[in-house]
Every structure is written in structure tokens, then in C-alpha cells.
């Protein structure tokens, strides 16, 4: 998480989200992203994880 400043001086917080394939090796047993799916794309799962985190932090 970084503190940034806009051109007009407003202070914001920015959080960079980074997950890769290594993070999703055990995803079937640890996360609920694959409720009714037998195959998955790690990039799609990364997007879902980022969205869930965004909703939680909002």
C-alpha cells in the first residue's frame, strides 16, 4: 500500500495486487473461487481474488 498525491494535492492510498500461478497451486482446497468448475485459468482466479479484496477493503 502506497500513499500518493494527485496533481491537485489530494492524498490517496493505492494498493497494488499481484498474484501469480504459484499462489494458486492449492486453490481448490483453500479458496471458494472454483465452486462448480473443474478447470480454471489462473489469470481469471487472480482477477477474482483482487475483486474480493477490493470489495472487502471498500
PDB file of N, CA and C in Angstrom:
ATOM      1  N   UNK A   1       0.864  -1.167   0.000  1.00  0.00           N
ATOM      2  CA  UNK A   1       0.000   0.000   0.000  1.00  0.00           C
ATOM      3  C   UNK A   1       0.905   1.221   0.000  1.00  0.00           C
ATOM      4  N   UNK A   2       0.607   2.159  -0.903  1.00  0.00           N
ATOM      5  CA  UNK A   2       1.401   3.370  -1.034  1.00  0.00           C
ATOM      6  C   UNK A   2       0.517   4.591  -0.847  1.00  0.00           C
ATOM      7  N   UNK A   3       1.085   5.633  -0.284  1.00  0.00           N
ATOM      8  CA  UNK A   3       0.399   6.914  -0.183  1.00  0.00           C
ATOM      9  C   UNK A   3       0.849   7.744  -1.377  1.00  0.00           C
ATOM     10  N   UNK A   4      -0.111   8.243  -2.153  1.00  0.00           N
ATOM     11  CA  UNK A   4       0.192   9.022  -3.349  1.00  0.00           C
ATOM     12  C   UNK A   4      -0.535  10.353  -3.287  1.00  0.00           C
ATOM     13  N   UNK A   5      -0.125  11.261  -4.142  1.00  0.00           N
ATOM     14  CA  UNK A   5      -0.737  12.582  -4.187  1.00  0.00           C
ATOM     15  C   UNK A   5      -1.094  12.906  -5.631  1.00  0.00           C
ATOM     16  N   UNK A   6      -2.319  13.396  -5.839  1.00  0.00           N
ATOM     17  CA  UNK A   6      -2.753  13.765  -7.178  1.00  0.00           C
ATOM     18  C   UNK A   6      -2.159  15.112  -7.558  1.00  0.00           C
ATOM     19  N   UNK A   7      -2.351  15.498  -8.806  1.00  0.00           N
ATOM     20  CA  UNK A   7      -1.820  16.772  -9.284  1.00  0.00           C
ATOM     21  C   UNK A   7      -2.406  17.960  -8.535  1.00  0.00           C
ATOM     22  N   UNK A   8      -3.656  17.817  -8.056  1.00  0.00           N
ATOM     23  CA  UNK A   8      -4.279  18.926  -7.326  1.00  0.00           C
ATOM     24  C   UNK A   8      -4.034  18.844  -5.816  1.00  0.00           C
ATOM     25  N   UNK A   9      -3.163  17.937  -5.362  1.00  0.00           N
ATOM     26  CA  UNK A   9      -2.767  17.874  -3.963  1.00  0.00           C
ATOM     27  C   UNK A   9      -3.565  16.926  -3.089  1.00  0.00           C
ATOM     28  N   UNK A  10      -4.523  16.231  -3.650  1.00  0.00           N
ATOM     29  CA  UNK A  10      -5.333  15.293  -2.872  1.00  0.00           C
ATOM     30  C   UNK A  10      -4.503  14.043  -2.566  1.00  0.00           C
ATOM     31  N   UNK A  11      -4.504  13.616  -1.298  1.00  0.00           N
ATOM     32  CA  UNK A  11      -3.740  12.445  -0.883  1.00  0.00           C
ATOM     33  C   UNK A  11      -4.627  11.206  -0.986  1.00  0.00           C
ATOM     34  N   UNK A  12      -4.092  10.169  -1.636  1.00  0.00           N
ATOM     35  CA  UNK A  12      -4.818   8.920  -1.832  1.00  0.00           C
ATOM     36  C   UNK A  12      -3.943   7.750  -1.400  1.00  0.00           C
ATOM     37  N   UNK A  13      -4.567   6.601  -1.212  1.00  0.00           N
ATOM     38  CA  UNK A  13      -3.831   5.363  -0.954  1.00  0.00           C
ATOM     39  C   UNK A  13      -4.011   4.464  -2.168  1.00  0.00           C
ATOM     40  N   UNK A  14      -2.930   3.834  -2.603  1.00  0.00           N
ATOM     41  CA  UNK A  14      -3.007   2.911  -3.729  1.00  0.00           C
ATOM     42  C   UNK A  14      -2.446   1.564  -3.273  1.00  0.00           C
ATOM     43  N   UNK A  15      -3.157   0.507  -3.595  1.00  0.00           N
ATOM     44  CA  UNK A  15      -2.715  -0.840  -3.237  1.00  0.00           C
ATOM     45  C   UNK A  15      -2.517  -1.627  -4.517  1.00  0.00           C
ATOM     46  N   UNK A  16      -1.338  -2.177  -4.683  1.00  0.00           N
ATOM     47  CA  UNK A  16      -1.037  -2.997  -5.846  1.00  0.00           C
ATOM     48  C   UNK A  16      -1.308  -4.454  -5.494  1.00  0.00           C
ATOM     49  N   UNK A  17      -2.045  -5.126  -6.362  1.00  0.00           N
ATOM     50  CA  UNK A  17      -2.414  -6.522  -6.136  1.00  0.00           C
ATOM     51  C   UNK A  17      -1.650  -7.377  -7.126  1.00  0.00           C
ATOM     52  N   UNK A  18      -0.906  -8.352  -6.617  1.00  0.00           N
ATOM     53  CA  UNK A  18      -0.139  -9.208  -7.516  1.00  0.00           C
ATOM     54  C   UNK A  18      -0.218 -10.648  -7.030  1.00  0.00           C
ATOM     55  N   UNK A  19      -0.785 -11.483  -7.853  1.00  0.00           N
ATOM     56  CA  UNK A  19      -0.810 -12.919  -7.596  1.00  0.00           C
ATOM     57  C   UNK A  19      -0.428 -13.628  -8.884  1.00  0.00           C
ATOM     58  N   UNK A  20       0.226 -14.727  -8.758  1.00  0.00           N
ATOM     59  CA  UNK A  20       0.621 -15.488  -9.941  1.00  0.00           C
ATOM     60  C   UNK A  20       0.200 -16.936  -9.833  1.00  0.00           C
ATOM     61  N   UNK A  21       0.636 -17.720 -10.780  1.00  0.00           N
ATOM     62  CA  UNK A  21       0.247 -19.138 -10.815  1.00  0.00           C
ATOM     63  C   UNK A  21       0.693 -19.899  -9.574  1.00  0.00           C
ATOM     64  N   UNK A  22       1.847 -19.571  -9.044  1.00  0.00           N
ATOM     65  CA  UNK A  22       2.349 -20.273  -7.864  1.00  0.00           C
ATOM     66  C   UNK A  22       1.383 -20.119  -6.691  1.00  0.00           C
ATOM     67  N   UNK A  23       0.754 -18.968  -6.576  1.00  0.00           N
ATOM     68  CA  UNK A  23      -0.183 -18.722  -5.485  1.00  0.00           C
ATOM     69  C   UNK A  23      -1.439 -19.570  -5.593  1.00  0.00           C
ATOM     70  N   UNK A  24      -1.737 -20.089  -6.775  1.00  0.00           N
ATOM     71  CA  UNK A  24      -2.982 -20.817  -6.989  1.00  0.00           C
ATOM     72  C   UNK A  24      -2.782 -22.328  -7.139  1.00  0.00           C
ATOM     73  N   UNK A  25      -1.649 -22.853  -6.698  1.00  0.00           N
ATOM     74  CA  UNK A  25      -1.422 -24.300  -6.821  1.00  0.00           C
ATOM     75  C   UNK A  25      -2.402 -25.106  -5.984  1.00  0.00           C
ATOM     76  N   UNK A  26      -2.765 -24.607  -4.817  1.00  0.00           N
ATOM     77  CA  UNK A  26      -3.677 -25.337  -3.929  1.00  0.00           C
ATOM     78  C   UNK A  26      -5.021 -24.625  -3.817  1.00  0.00           C
ATOM     79  N   UNK A  27      -5.406 -23.905  -4.848  1.00  0.00           N
ATOM     80  CA  UNK A  27      -6.606 -23.075  -4.773  1.00  0.00           C
ATOM     81  C   UNK A  27      -7.875 -23.894  -4.561  1.00  0.00           C
ATOM     82  N   UNK A  28      -7.932 -25.101  -5.093  1.00  0.00           N
ATOM     83  CA  UNK A  28      -9.141 -25.909  -4.939  1.00  0.00           C
ATOM     84  C   UNK A  28      -9.425 -26.226  -3.479  1.00  0.00           C
ATOM     85  N   UNK A  29      -8.395 -26.399  -2.683  1.00  0.00           N
ATOM     86  CA  UNK A  29      -8.600 -26.766  -1.284  1.00  0.00           C
ATOM     87  C   UNK A  29      -8.668 -25.572  -0.343  1.00  0.00           C
ATOM     88  N   UNK A  30      -8.232 -24.395  -0.781  1.00  0.00           N
ATOM     89  CA  UNK A  30      -8.145 -23.253   0.128  1.00  0.00           C
ATOM     90  C   UNK A  30      -9.108 -22.113  -0.174  1.00  0.00           C
ATOM     91  N   UNK A  31      -9.640 -22.040  -1.358  1.00  0.00           N
ATOM     92  CA  UNK A  31     -10.494 -20.911  -1.728  1.00  0.00           C
ATOM     93  C   UNK A  31     -11.806 -21.390  -2.306  1.00  0.00           C
ATOM     94  N   UNK A  32     -12.793 -20.495  -2.312  1.00  0.00           N
ATOM     95  CA  UNK A  32     -14.112 -20.842  -2.851  1.00  0.00           C
ATOM     96  C   UNK A  32     -14.304 -20.346  -4.282  1.00  0.00           C
ATOM     97  N   UNK A  33     -13.243 -19.997  -4.972  1.00  0.00           N
ATOM     98  CA  UNK A  33     -13.344 -19.459  -6.331  1.00  0.00           C
ATOM     99  C   UNK A  33     -13.853 -20.491  -7.337  1.00  0.00           C
ATOM    100  N   UNK A  34     -13.651 -21.764  -7.055  1.00  0.00           N
ATOM    101  CA  UNK A  34     -13.961 -22.825  -8.020  1.00  0.00           C
ATOM    102  C   UNK A  34     -15.136 -23.679  -7.577  1.00  0.00           C
ATOM    103  N   UNK A  35     -16.184 -23.078  -7.116  1.00  0.00           N
ATOM    104  CA  UNK A  35     -17.296 -23.837  -6.550  1.00  0.00           C
ATOM    105  C   UNK A  35     -17.823 -24.924  -7.476  1.00  0.00           C
ATOM    106  N   UNK A  36     -18.110 -24.602  -8.729  1.00  0.00           N
ATOM    107  CA  UNK A  36     -18.718 -25.566  -9.644  1.00  0.00           C
ATOM    108  C   UNK A  36     -17.912 -25.713 -10.934  1.00  0.00           C
ATOM    109  N   UNK A  37     -16.596 -25.523 -10.853  1.00  0.00           N
ATOM    110  CA  UNK A  37     -15.764 -25.609 -12.048  1.00  0.00           C
ATOM    111  C   UNK A  37     -14.745 -26.729 -11.892  1.00  0.00           C
ATOM    112  N   UNK A  38     -14.501 -27.430 -12.975  1.00  0.00           N
ATOM    113  CA  UNK A  38     -13.487 -28.488 -12.937  1.00  0.00           C
ATOM    114  C   UNK A  38     -12.151 -28.004 -13.494  1.00  0.00           C
ATOM    115  N   UNK A  39     -12.170 -26.973 -14.327  1.00  0.00           N
ATOM    116  CA  UNK A  39     -10.936 -26.396 -14.849  1.00  0.00           C
ATOM    117  C   UNK A  39     -10.960 -24.896 -14.592  1.00  0.00           C
ATOM    118  N   UNK A  40      -9.788 -24.285 -14.617  1.00  0.00           N
ATOM    119  CA  UNK A  40      -9.716 -22.859 -14.314  1.00  0.00           C
ATOM    120  C   UNK A  40      -8.493 -22.235 -14.961  1.00  0.00           C
ATOM    121  N   UNK A  41      -8.532 -20.937 -15.097  1.00  0.00           N
ATOM    122  CA  UNK A  41      -7.447 -20.134 -15.634  1.00  0.00           C
ATOM    123  C   UNK A  41      -6.888 -19.321 -14.468  1.00  0.00           C
ATOM    124  N   UNK A  42      -5.586 -19.396 -14.203  1.00  0.00           N
ATOM    125  CA  UNK A  42      -5.020 -18.712 -13.049  1.00  0.00           C
ATOM    126  C   UNK A  42      -5.159 -17.201 -13.150  1.00  0.00           C
ATOM    127  N   UNK A  43      -5.174 -16.654 -14.371  1.00  0.00           N
ATOM    128  CA  UNK A  43      -5.346 -15.213 -14.529  1.00  0.00           C
ATOM    129  C   UNK A  43      -6.756 -14.792 -14.117  1.00  0.00           C
ATOM    130  N   UNK A  44      -7.750 -15.601 -14.480  1.00  0.00           N
ATOM    131  CA  UNK A  44      -9.133 -15.354 -14.076  1.00  0.00           C
ATOM    132  C   UNK A  44      -9.265 -15.436 -12.554  1.00  0.00           C
ATOM    133  N   UNK A  45      -8.628 -16.428 -11.947  1.00  0.00           N
ATOM    134  CA  UNK A  45      -8.679 -16.565 -10.494  1.00  0.00           C
ATOM    135  C   UNK A  45      -8.005 -15.388  -9.801  1.00  0.00           C
ATOM    136  N   UNK A  46      -6.933 -14.884 -10.381  1.00  0.00           N
ATOM    137  CA  UNK A  46      -6.252 -13.721  -9.816  1.00  0.00           C
ATOM    138  C   UNK A  46      -7.162 -12.500  -9.843  1.00  0.00           C
ATOM    139  N   UNK A  47      -7.911 -12.342 -10.940  1.00  0.00           N
ATOM    140  CA  UNK A  47      -8.853 -11.226 -11.035  1.00  0.00           C
ATOM    141  C   UNK A  47      -9.955 -11.358  -9.989  1.00  0.00           C
ATOM    142  N   UNK A  48     -10.468 -12.567  -9.801  1.00  0.00           N
ATOM    143  CA  UNK A  48     -11.493 -12.787  -8.779  1.00  0.00           C
ATOM    144  C   UNK A  48     -10.961 -12.473  -7.381  1.00  0.00           C
ATOM    145  N   UNK A  49      -9.734 -12.888  -7.101  1.00  0.00           N
ATOM    146  CA  UNK A  49      -9.129 -12.625  -5.800  1.00  0.00           C
ATOM    147  C   UNK A  49      -8.966 -11.124  -5.573  1.00  0.00           C
ATOM    148  N   UNK A  50      -8.529 -10.399  -6.598  1.00  0.00           N
ATOM    149  CA  UNK A  50      -8.366  -8.949  -6.483  1.00  0.00           C
ATOM    150  C   UNK A  50      -9.706  -8.271  -6.258  1.00  0.00           C
ATOM    151  N   UNK A  51     -10.745  -8.731  -6.938  1.00  0.00           N
ATOM    152  CA  UNK A  51     -12.072  -8.134  -6.773  1.00  0.00           C
ATOM    153  C   UNK A  51     -12.609  -8.381  -5.366  1.00  0.00           C
ATOM    154  N   UNK A  52     -12.435  -9.599  -4.849  1.00  0.00           N
ATOM    155  CA  UNK A  52     -12.896  -9.896  -3.493  1.00  0.00           C
ATOM    156  C   UNK A  52     -12.167  -9.025  -2.476  1.00  0.00           C
ATOM    157  N   UNK A  53     -10.872  -8.820  -2.674  1.00  0.00           N
ATOM    158  CA  UNK A  53     -10.100  -7.977  -1.769  1.00  0.00           C
ATOM    159  C   UNK A  53     -10.564  -6.523  -1.864  1.00  0.00           C
ATOM    160  N   UNK A  54     -10.847  -6.057  -3.072  1.00  0.00           N
ATOM    161  CA  UNK A  54     -11.338  -4.694  -3.271  1.00  0.00           C
ATOM    162  C   UNK A  54     -12.656  -4.480  -2.540  1.00  0.00           C
ATOM    163  N   UNK A  55     -13.577  -5.424  -2.682  1.00  0.00           N
ATOM    164  CA  UNK A  55     -14.881  -5.318  -2.019  1.00  0.00           C
ATOM    165  C   UNK A  55     -14.700  -5.298  -0.506  1.00  0.00           C
ATOM    166  N   UNK A  56     -13.805  -6.132   0.006  1.00  0.00           N
ATOM    167  CA  UNK A  56     -13.561  -6.188   1.442  1.00  0.00           C
ATOM    168  C   UNK A  56     -12.987  -4.873   1.956  1.00  0.00           C
ATOM    169  N   UNK A  57     -12.037  -4.290   1.212  1.00  0.00           N
ATOM    170  CA  UNK A  57     -11.375  -3.064   1.662  1.00  0.00           C
ATOM    171  C   UNK A  57     -12.241  -1.829   1.486  1.00  0.00           C
ATOM    172  N   UNK A  58     -13.235  -1.908   0.616  1.00  0.00           N
ATOM    173  CA  UNK A  58     -14.107  -0.767   0.379  1.00  0.00           C
ATOM    174  C   UNK A  58     -14.945  -0.532   1.601  1.00  0.00           C
TER     175      UNK A  58
END
